[in-house]
Amino acid sequence: MIFAVFLETSHEARTEHIEEAPELLQRDGRWFSLRGGPRQPQATDRIWDPVAVYAPDELTEEEFQDLFELNRKYIPELNLKY
């Protein structure tokens, strides 16, 4: 399974487990594009599932990077070493 992170706003993100990580996924009528991964995090005190990061398809790369940084404090998987 892949741990998917769907970044929506600076303080809102959803996570779910998915079988595959396609380039585009639709959730609640909105298109999300794969922006990172799936990548296997290094083991810590546990084994992590591969992580894939999605963001709204209409965002630029710069907007995605800003959104990613703002959500790092809420989602531990965004801070893992890969």
PDB file of N, CA and C in Angstrom:
ATOM      1  N   MET A   1       0.835  -1.194   0.000  1.00  0.00           N
ATOM      2  CA  MET A   1       0.000   0.000   0.000  1.00  0.00           C
ATOM      3  C   MET A   1       0.881   1.259   0.000  1.00  0.00           C
ATOM      4  N   ILE A   2       0.329   2.303  -0.541  1.00  0.00           N
ATOM      5  CA  ILE A   2       1.008   3.591  -0.609  1.00  0.00           C
ATOM      6  C   ILE A   2       0.240   4.576   0.271  1.00  0.00           C
ATOM      7  N   PHE A   3       0.970   5.305   1.102  1.00  0.00           N
ATOM      8  CA  PHE A   3       0.375   6.339   1.942  1.00  0.00           C
ATOM      9  C   PHE A   3       0.328   7.611   1.109  1.00  0.00           C
ATOM     10  N   ALA A   4      -0.872   8.023   0.709  1.00  0.00           N
ATOM     11  CA  ALA A   4      -1.037   9.207  -0.136  1.00  0.00           C
ATOM     12  C   ALA A   4      -1.439  10.411   0.699  1.00  0.00           C
ATOM     13  N   VAL A   5      -0.765  11.518   0.444  1.00  0.00           N
ATOM     14  CA  VAL A   5      -1.059  12.785   1.106  1.00  0.00           C
ATOM     15  C   VAL A   5      -1.636  13.720   0.057  1.00  0.00           C
ATOM     16  N   PHE A   6      -2.832  14.218   0.320  1.00  0.00           N
ATOM     17  CA  PHE A   6      -3.499  15.156  -0.581  1.00  0.00           C
ATOM     18  C   PHE A   6      -3.487  16.533   0.071  1.00  0.00           C
ATOM     19  N   LEU A   7      -2.588  17.404  -0.414  1.00  0.00           N
ATOM     20  CA  LEU A   7      -2.486  18.755   0.121  1.00  0.00           C
ATOM     21  C   LEU A   7      -3.571  19.605  -0.512  1.00  0.00           C
ATOM     22  N   GLU A   8      -4.374  20.259   0.313  1.00  0.00           N
ATOM     23  CA  GLU A   8      -5.468  21.069  -0.226  1.00  0.00           C
ATOM     24  C   GLU A   8      -5.277  22.556   0.052  1.00  0.00           C
ATOM     25  N   THR A   9      -5.028  22.912   1.301  1.00  0.00           N
ATOM     26  CA  THR A   9      -4.776  24.306   1.681  1.00  0.00           C
ATOM     27  C   THR A   9      -3.612  24.316   2.662  1.00  0.00           C
ATOM     28  N   SER A  10      -3.266  25.494   3.151  1.00  0.00           N
ATOM     29  CA  SER A  10      -2.130  25.613   4.068  1.00  0.00           C
ATOM     30  C   SER A  10      -2.367  24.927   5.403  1.00  0.00           C
ATOM     31  N   HIS A  11      -3.593  24.582   5.712  1.00  0.00           N
ATOM     32  CA  HIS A  11      -3.885  23.922   6.982  1.00  0.00           C
ATOM     33  C   HIS A  11      -4.845  22.745   6.816  1.00  0.00           C
ATOM     34  N   GLU A  12      -4.996  22.302   5.576  1.00  0.00           N
ATOM     35  CA  GLU A  12      -5.913  21.197   5.323  1.00  0.00           C
ATOM     36  C   GLU A  12      -5.284  20.206   4.350  1.00  0.00           C
ATOM     37  N   ALA A  13      -5.169  18.974   4.814  1.00  0.00           N
ATOM     38  CA  ALA A  13      -4.655  17.894   3.974  1.00  0.00           C
ATOM     39  C   ALA A  13      -5.370  16.617   4.372  1.00  0.00           C
ATOM     40  N   ARG A  14      -5.524  15.729   3.395  1.00  0.00           N
ATOM     41  CA  ARG A  14      -6.131  14.428   3.669  1.00  0.00           C
ATOM     42  C   ARG A  14      -5.098  13.359   3.374  1.00  0.00           C
ATOM     43  N   THR A  15      -5.227  12.250   4.061  1.00  0.00           N
ATOM     44  CA  THR A  15      -4.356  11.122   3.795  1.00  0.00           C
ATOM     45  C   THR A  15      -5.215   9.880   3.611  1.00  0.00           C
ATOM     46  N   GLU A  16      -4.709   8.965   2.813  1.00  0.00           N
ATOM     47  CA  GLU A  16      -5.387   7.682   2.634  1.00  0.00           C
ATOM     48  C   GLU A  16      -4.394   6.690   2.054  1.00  0.00           C
ATOM     49  N   HIS A  17      -4.703   5.431   2.194  1.00  0.00           N
ATOM     50  CA  HIS A  17      -3.886   4.392   1.584  1.00  0.00           C
ATOM     51  C   HIS A  17      -4.483   4.042   0.228  1.00  0.00           C
ATOM     52  N   ILE A  18      -3.606   3.961  -0.779  1.00  0.00           N
ATOM     53  CA  ILE A  18      -4.040   3.625  -2.126  1.00  0.00           C
ATOM     54  C   ILE A  18      -3.165   2.502  -2.669  1.00  0.00           C
ATOM     55  N   GLU A  19      -3.673   1.784  -3.649  1.00  0.00           N
ATOM     56  CA  GLU A  19      -2.949   0.654  -4.250  1.00  0.00           C
ATOM     57  C   GLU A  19      -1.857   1.125  -5.208  1.00  0.00           C
ATOM     58  N   GLU A  20      -2.177   2.127  -6.021  1.00  0.00           N
ATOM     59  CA  GLU A  20      -1.265   2.658  -7.023  1.00  0.00           C
ATOM     60  C   GLU A  20      -1.234   4.177  -6.914  1.00  0.00           C
ATOM     61  N   ALA A  21      -0.209   4.778  -7.512  1.00  0.00           N
ATOM     62  CA  ALA A  21      -0.077   6.234  -7.469  1.00  0.00           C
ATOM     63  C   ALA A  21      -0.047   6.784  -8.897  1.00  0.00           C
ATOM     64  N   PRO A  22      -1.211   6.937  -9.518  1.00  0.00           N
ATOM     65  CA  PRO A  22      -1.242   7.484 -10.879  1.00  0.00           C
ATOM     66  C   PRO A  22      -0.883   8.975 -10.890  1.00  0.00           C
ATOM     67  N   GLU A  23      -0.586   9.477 -12.076  1.00  0.00           N
ATOM     68  CA  GLU A  23      -0.211  10.887 -12.226  1.00  0.00           C
ATOM     69  C   GLU A  23      -1.345  11.832 -11.847  1.00  0.00           C
ATOM     70  N   LEU A  24      -2.590  11.452 -12.121  1.00  0.00           N
ATOM     71  CA  LEU A  24      -3.753  12.279 -11.791  1.00  0.00           C
ATOM     72  C   LEU A  24      -4.798  11.439 -11.070  1.00  0.00           C
ATOM     73  N   LEU A  25      -5.385  12.027 -10.027  1.00  0.00           N
ATOM     74  CA  LEU A  25      -6.479  11.396  -9.286  1.00  0.00           C
ATOM     75  C   LEU A  25      -7.552  12.438  -9.038  1.00  0.00           C
ATOM     76  N   GLN A  26      -8.781  12.002  -9.047  1.00  0.00           N
ATOM     77  CA  GLN A  26      -9.883  12.913  -8.743  1.00  0.00           C
ATOM     78  C   GLN A  26     -10.433  12.569  -7.370  1.00  0.00           C
ATOM     79  N   ARG A  27     -10.577  13.588  -6.530  1.00  0.00           N
ATOM     80  CA  ARG A  27     -11.144  13.429  -5.197  1.00  0.00           C
ATOM     81  C   ARG A  27     -12.152  14.544  -4.989  1.00  0.00           C
ATOM     82  N   ASP A  28     -13.368  14.181  -4.641  1.00  0.00           N
ATOM     83  CA  ASP A  28     -14.430  15.151  -4.373  1.00  0.00           C
ATOM     84  C   ASP A  28     -14.584  16.178  -5.498  1.00  0.00           C
ATOM     85  N   GLY A  29     -14.504  15.709  -6.737  1.00  0.00           N
ATOM     86  CA  GLY A  29     -14.704  16.581  -7.882  1.00  0.00           C
ATOM     87  C   GLY A  29     -13.522  17.464  -8.233  1.00  0.00           C
ATOM     88  N   ARG A  30     -12.390  17.247  -7.600  1.00  0.00           N
ATOM     89  CA  ARG A  30     -11.205  18.076  -7.830  1.00  0.00           C
ATOM     90  C   ARG A  30     -10.071  17.176  -8.309  1.00  0.00           C
ATOM     91  N   TRP A  31      -9.287  17.651  -9.277  1.00  0.00           N
ATOM     92  CA  TRP A  31      -8.161  16.881  -9.788  1.00  0.00           C
ATOM     93  C   TRP A  31      -6.885  17.192  -9.008  1.00  0.00           C
ATOM     94  N   PHE A  32      -6.184  16.132  -8.642  1.00  0.00           N
ATOM     95  CA  PHE A  32      -4.907  16.227  -7.936  1.00  0.00           C
ATOM     96  C   PHE A  32      -3.836  15.566  -8.782  1.00  0.00           C
ATOM     97  N   SER A  33      -2.684  16.216  -8.877  1.00  0.00           N
ATOM     98  CA  SER A  33      -1.569  15.630  -9.620  1.00  0.00           C
ATOM     99  C   SER A  33      -0.497  15.165  -8.649  1.00  0.00           C
ATOM    100  N   LEU A  34       0.174  14.099  -9.044  1.00  0.00           N
ATOM    101  CA  LEU A  34       1.258  13.534  -8.253  1.00  0.00           C
ATOM    102  C   LEU A  34       2.431  14.494  -8.300  1.00  0.00           C
ATOM    103  N   ARG A  35       2.879  14.964  -7.155  1.00  0.00           N
ATOM    104  CA  ARG A  35       3.978  15.932  -7.095  1.00  0.00           C
ATOM    105  C   ARG A  35       5.244  15.326  -6.496  1.00  0.00           C
ATOM    106  N   GLY A  36       5.112  14.192  -5.835  1.00  0.00           N
ATOM    107  CA  GLY A  36       6.283  13.548  -5.252  1.00  0.00           C
ATOM    108  C   GLY A  36       6.004  12.094  -4.942  1.00  0.00           C
ATOM    109  N   GLY A  37       6.996  11.249  -5.254  1.00  0.00           N
ATOM    110  CA  GLY A  37       6.886   9.854  -4.895  1.00  0.00           C
ATOM    111  C   GLY A  37       6.155   9.025  -5.932  1.00  0.00           C
ATOM    112  N   PRO A  38       5.756   7.846  -5.519  1.00  0.00           N
ATOM    113  CA  PRO A  38       5.921   7.317  -4.171  1.00  0.00           C
ATOM    114  C   PRO A  38       7.384   6.963  -3.892  1.00  0.00           C
ATOM    115  N   ARG A  39       7.785   7.297  -2.677  1.00  0.00           N
ATOM    116  CA  ARG A  39       9.151   7.019  -2.218  1.00  0.00           C
ATOM    117  C   ARG A  39       9.092   6.284  -0.897  1.00  0.00           C
ATOM    118  N   GLN A  40      10.052   5.401  -0.706  1.00  0.00           N
ATOM    119  CA  GLN A  40      10.129   4.608   0.517  1.00  0.00           C
ATOM    120  C   GLN A  40      10.949   5.356   1.564  1.00  0.00           C
ATOM    121  N   PRO A  41      10.335   5.754   2.682  1.00  0.00           N
ATOM    122  CA  PRO A  41      11.094   6.420   3.744  1.00  0.00           C
ATOM    123  C   PRO A  41      12.088   5.460   4.397  1.00  0.00           C
ATOM    124  N   GLN A  42      13.148   6.014   4.934  1.00  0.00           N
ATOM    125  CA  GLN A  42      14.094   5.210   5.706  1.00  0.00           C
ATOM    126  C   GLN A  42      13.397   4.735   6.979  1.00  0.00           C
ATOM    127  N   ALA A  43      13.750   3.552   7.412  1.00  0.00           N
ATOM    128  CA  ALA A  43      13.155   3.001   8.631  1.00  0.00           C
ATOM    129  C   ALA A  43      13.588   3.829   9.835  1.00  0.00           C
ATOM    130  N   THR A  44      12.670   4.014  10.757  1.00  0.00           N
ATOM    131  CA  THR A  44      12.979   4.677  12.026  1.00  0.00           C
ATOM    132  C   THR A  44      12.664   3.641  13.100  1.00  0.00           C
ATOM    133  N   ASP A  45      11.836   3.999  14.057  1.00  0.00           N
ATOM    134  CA  ASP A  45      11.407   3.031  15.062  1.00  0.00           C
ATOM    135  C   ASP A  45      10.296   2.146  14.517  1.00  0.00           C
ATOM    136  N   ARG A  46       9.945   2.349  13.241  1.00  0.00           N
ATOM    137  CA  ARG A  46       8.940   1.531  12.563  1.00  0.00           C
ATOM    138  C   ARG A  46       9.213   1.521  11.072  1.00  0.00           C
ATOM    139  N   ILE A  47       8.537   0.633  10.384  1.00  0.00           N
ATOM    140  CA  ILE A  47       8.634   0.566   8.935  1.00  0.00           C
ATOM    141  C   ILE A  47       7.486   1.400   8.352  1.00  0.00           C
ATOM    142  N   TRP A  48       7.821   2.278   7.429  1.00  0.00           N
ATOM    143  CA  TRP A  48       6.841   3.177   6.831  1.00  0.00           C
ATOM    144  C   TRP A  48       6.421   2.657   5.464  1.00  0.00           C
ATOM    145  N   ASP A  49       5.186   2.926   5.087  1.00  0.00           N
ATOM    146  CA  ASP A  49       4.718   2.656   3.727  1.00  0.00           C
ATOM    147  C   ASP A  49       5.329   3.691   2.803  1.00  0.00           C
ATOM    148  N   PRO A  50       5.460   3.363   1.519  1.00  0.00           N
ATOM    149  CA  PRO A  50       5.902   4.388   0.563  1.00  0.00           C
ATOM    150  C   PRO A  50       4.931   5.579   0.606  1.00  0.00           C
ATOM    151  N   VAL A  51       5.466   6.769   0.393  1.00  0.00           N
ATOM    152  CA  VAL A  51       4.667   7.996   0.490  1.00  0.00           C
ATOM    153  C   VAL A  51       4.582   8.672  -0.877  1.00  0.00           C
ATOM    154  N   ALA A  52       3.367   9.058  -1.249  1.00  0.00           N
ATOM    155  CA  ALA A  52       3.134   9.829  -2.468  1.00  0.00           C
ATOM    156  C   ALA A  52       2.436  11.123  -2.062  1.00  0.00           C
ATOM    157  N   VAL A  53       2.834  12.220  -2.674  1.00  0.00           N
ATOM    158  CA  VAL A  53       2.252  13.521  -2.339  1.00  0.00           C
ATOM    159  C   VAL A  53       1.517  14.070  -3.561  1.00  0.00           C
ATOM    160  N   TYR A  54       0.273  14.445  -3.332  1.00  0.00           N
ATOM    161  CA  TYR A  54      -0.579  15.029  -4.369  1.00  0.00           C
ATOM    162  C   TYR A  54      -0.971  16.446  -3.970  1.00  0.00           C
ATOM    163  N   ALA A  55      -1.169  17.279  -4.996  1.00  0.00           N
ATOM    164  CA  ALA A  55      -1.650  18.647  -4.784  1.00  0.00           C
ATOM    165  C   ALA A  55      -2.619  18.975  -5.914  1.00  0.00           C
ATOM    166  N   PRO A  56      -3.470  19.980  -5.724  1.00  0.00           N
ATOM    167  CA  PRO A  56      -4.388  20.360  -6.787  1.00  0.00           C
ATOM    168  C   PRO A  56      -3.633  20.591  -8.099  1.00  0.00           C
ATOM    169  N   ASP A  57      -4.178  20.056  -9.168  1.00  0.00           N
ATOM    170  CA  ASP A  57      -3.504  20.094 -10.469  1.00  0.00           C
ATOM    171  C   ASP A  57      -3.237  21.510 -10.961  1.00  0.00           C
ATOM    172  N   GLU A  58      -4.059  22.458 -10.551  1.00  0.00           N
ATOM    173  CA  GLU A  58      -3.907  23.827 -11.068  1.00  0.00           C
ATOM    174  C   GLU A  58      -2.762  24.607 -10.411  1.00  0.00           C
ATOM    175  N   LEU A  59      -2.169  24.077  -9.358  1.00  0.00           N
ATOM    176  CA  LEU A  59      -1.086  24.793  -8.671  1.00  0.00           C
ATOM    177  C   LEU A  59       0.206  24.765  -9.473  1.00  0.00           C
ATOM    178  N   THR A  60       0.947  25.856  -9.411  1.00  0.00           N
ATOM    179  CA  THR A  60       2.287  25.883  -9.996  1.00  0.00           C
ATOM    180  C   THR A  60       3.234  25.141  -9.060  1.00  0.00           C
ATOM    181  N   GLU A  61       4.426  24.880  -9.532  1.00  0.00           N
ATOM    182  CA  GLU A  61       5.416  24.199  -8.694  1.00  0.00           C
ATOM    183  C   GLU A  61       5.748  25.040  -7.465  1.00  0.00           C
ATOM    184  N   GLU A  62       5.866  26.344  -7.633  1.00  0.00           N
ATOM    185  CA  GLU A  62       6.163  27.227  -6.497  1.00  0.00           C
ATOM    186  C   GLU A  62       5.030  27.201  -5.464  1.00  0.00           C
ATOM    187  N   GLU A  63       3.795  27.241  -5.928  1.00  0.00           N
ATOM    188  CA  GLU A  63       2.650  27.174  -5.017  1.00  0.00           C
ATOM    189  C   GLU A  63       2.625  25.832  -4.289  1.00  0.00           C
ATOM    190  N   PHE A  64       2.965  24.754  -5.004  1.00  0.00           N
ATOM    191  CA  PHE A  64       3.027  23.440  -4.369  1.00  0.00           C
ATOM    192  C   PHE A  64       4.091  23.418  -3.281  1.00  0.00           C
ATOM    193  N   GLN A  65       5.267  23.939  -3.565  1.00  0.00           N
ATOM    194  CA  GLN A  65       6.351  23.946  -2.572  1.00  0.00           C
ATOM    195  C   GLN A  65       5.939  24.710  -1.316  1.00  0.00           C
ATOM    196  N   ASP A  66       5.281  25.830  -1.482  1.00  0.00           N
ATOM    197  CA  ASP A  66       4.802  26.605  -0.332  1.00  0.00           C
ATOM    198  C   ASP A  66       3.783  25.799   0.476  1.00  0.00           C
ATOM    199  N   LEU A  67       2.857  25.157  -0.206  1.00  0.00           N
ATOM    200  CA  LEU A  67       1.836  24.350   0.445  1.00  0.00           C
ATOM    201  C   LEU A  67       2.464  23.163   1.181  1.00  0.00           C
ATOM    202  N   PHE A  68       3.445  22.543   0.566  1.00  0.00           N
ATOM    203  CA  PHE A  68       4.164  21.429   1.186  1.00  0.00           C
ATOM    204  C   PHE A  68       4.810  21.884   2.499  1.00  0.00           C
ATOM    205  N   GLU A  69       5.521  22.975   2.455  1.00  0.00           N
ATOM    206  CA  GLU A  69       6.205  23.481   3.654  1.00  0.00           C
ATOM    207  C   GLU A  69       5.217  23.820   4.764  1.00  0.00           C
ATOM    208  N   LEU A  70       4.104  24.419   4.428  1.00  0.00           N
ATOM    209  CA  LEU A  70       3.101  24.779   5.439  1.00  0.00           C
ATOM    210  C   LEU A  70       2.461  23.548   6.095  1.00  0.00           C
ATOM    211  N   ASN A  71       2.386  22.436   5.374  1.00  0.00           N
ATOM    212  CA  ASN A  71       1.754  21.231   5.915  1.00  0.00           C
ATOM    213  C   ASN A  71       2.725  20.284   6.608  1.00  0.00           C
ATOM    214  N   ARG A  72       4.010  20.546   6.526  1.00  0.00           N
ATOM    215  CA  ARG A  72       5.003  19.656   7.154  1.00  0.00           C
ATOM    216  C   ARG A  72       4.791  19.505   8.654  1.00  0.00           C
ATOM    217  N   LYS A  73       4.328  20.552   9.317  1.00  0.00           N
ATOM    218  CA  LYS A  73       4.150  20.472  10.772  1.00  0.00           C
ATOM    219  C   LYS A  73       2.949  19.619  11.164  1.00  0.00           C
ATOM    220  N   TYR A  74       2.044  19.355  10.226  1.00  0.00           N
ATOM    221  CA  TYR A  74       0.837  18.578  10.522  1.00  0.00           C
ATOM    222  C   TYR A  74       0.923  17.115  10.094  1.00  0.00           C
ATOM    223  N   ILE A  75       1.798  16.816   9.157  1.00  0.00           N
ATOM    224  CA  ILE A  75       1.861  15.466   8.595  1.00  0.00           C
ATOM    225  C   ILE A  75       3.280  14.917   8.767  1.00  0.00           C
ATOM    226  N   PRO A  76       3.464  14.002   9.716  1.00  0.00           N
ATOM    227  CA  PRO A  76       4.811  13.474  10.000  1.00  0.00           C
ATOM    228  C   PRO A  76       5.496  12.862   8.781  1.00  0.00           C
ATOM    229  N   GLU A  77       4.746  12.249   7.891  1.00  0.00           N
ATOM    230  CA  GLU A  77       5.335  11.594   6.719  1.00  0.00           C
ATOM    231  C   GLU A  77       6.037  12.575   5.788  1.00  0.00           C
ATOM    232  N   LEU A  78       5.693  13.841   5.862  1.00  0.00           N
ATOM    233  CA  LEU A  78       6.359  14.837   5.023  1.00  0.00           C
ATOM    234  C   LEU A  78       7.739  15.222   5.550  1.00  0.00           C
ATOM    235  N   ASN A  79       8.058  14.773   6.763  1.00  0.00           N
ATOM    236  CA  ASN A  79       9.343  15.110   7.374  1.00  0.00           C
ATOM    237  C   ASN A  79      10.312  13.936   7.444  1.00  0.00           C
ATOM    238  N   LEU A  80       9.946  12.797   6.875  1.00  0.00           N
ATOM    239  CA  LEU A  80      10.792  11.616   6.940  1.00  0.00           C
ATOM    240  C   LEU A  80      11.989  11.750   6.002  1.00  0.00           C
ATOM    241  N   LYS A  81      13.041  11.011   6.296  1.00  0.00           N
ATOM    242  CA  LYS A  81      14.220  10.944   5.415  1.00  0.00           C
ATOM    243  C   LYS A  81      13.970   9.854   4.381  1.00  0.00           C
ATOM    244  N   TYR A  82      14.381  10.121   3.140  1.00  0.00           N
ATOM    245  CA  TYR A  82      14.162   9.170   2.055  1.00  0.00           C
ATOM    246  C   TYR A  82      15.462   8.742   1.442  1.00  0.00           C
TER     247      TYR A  82
END
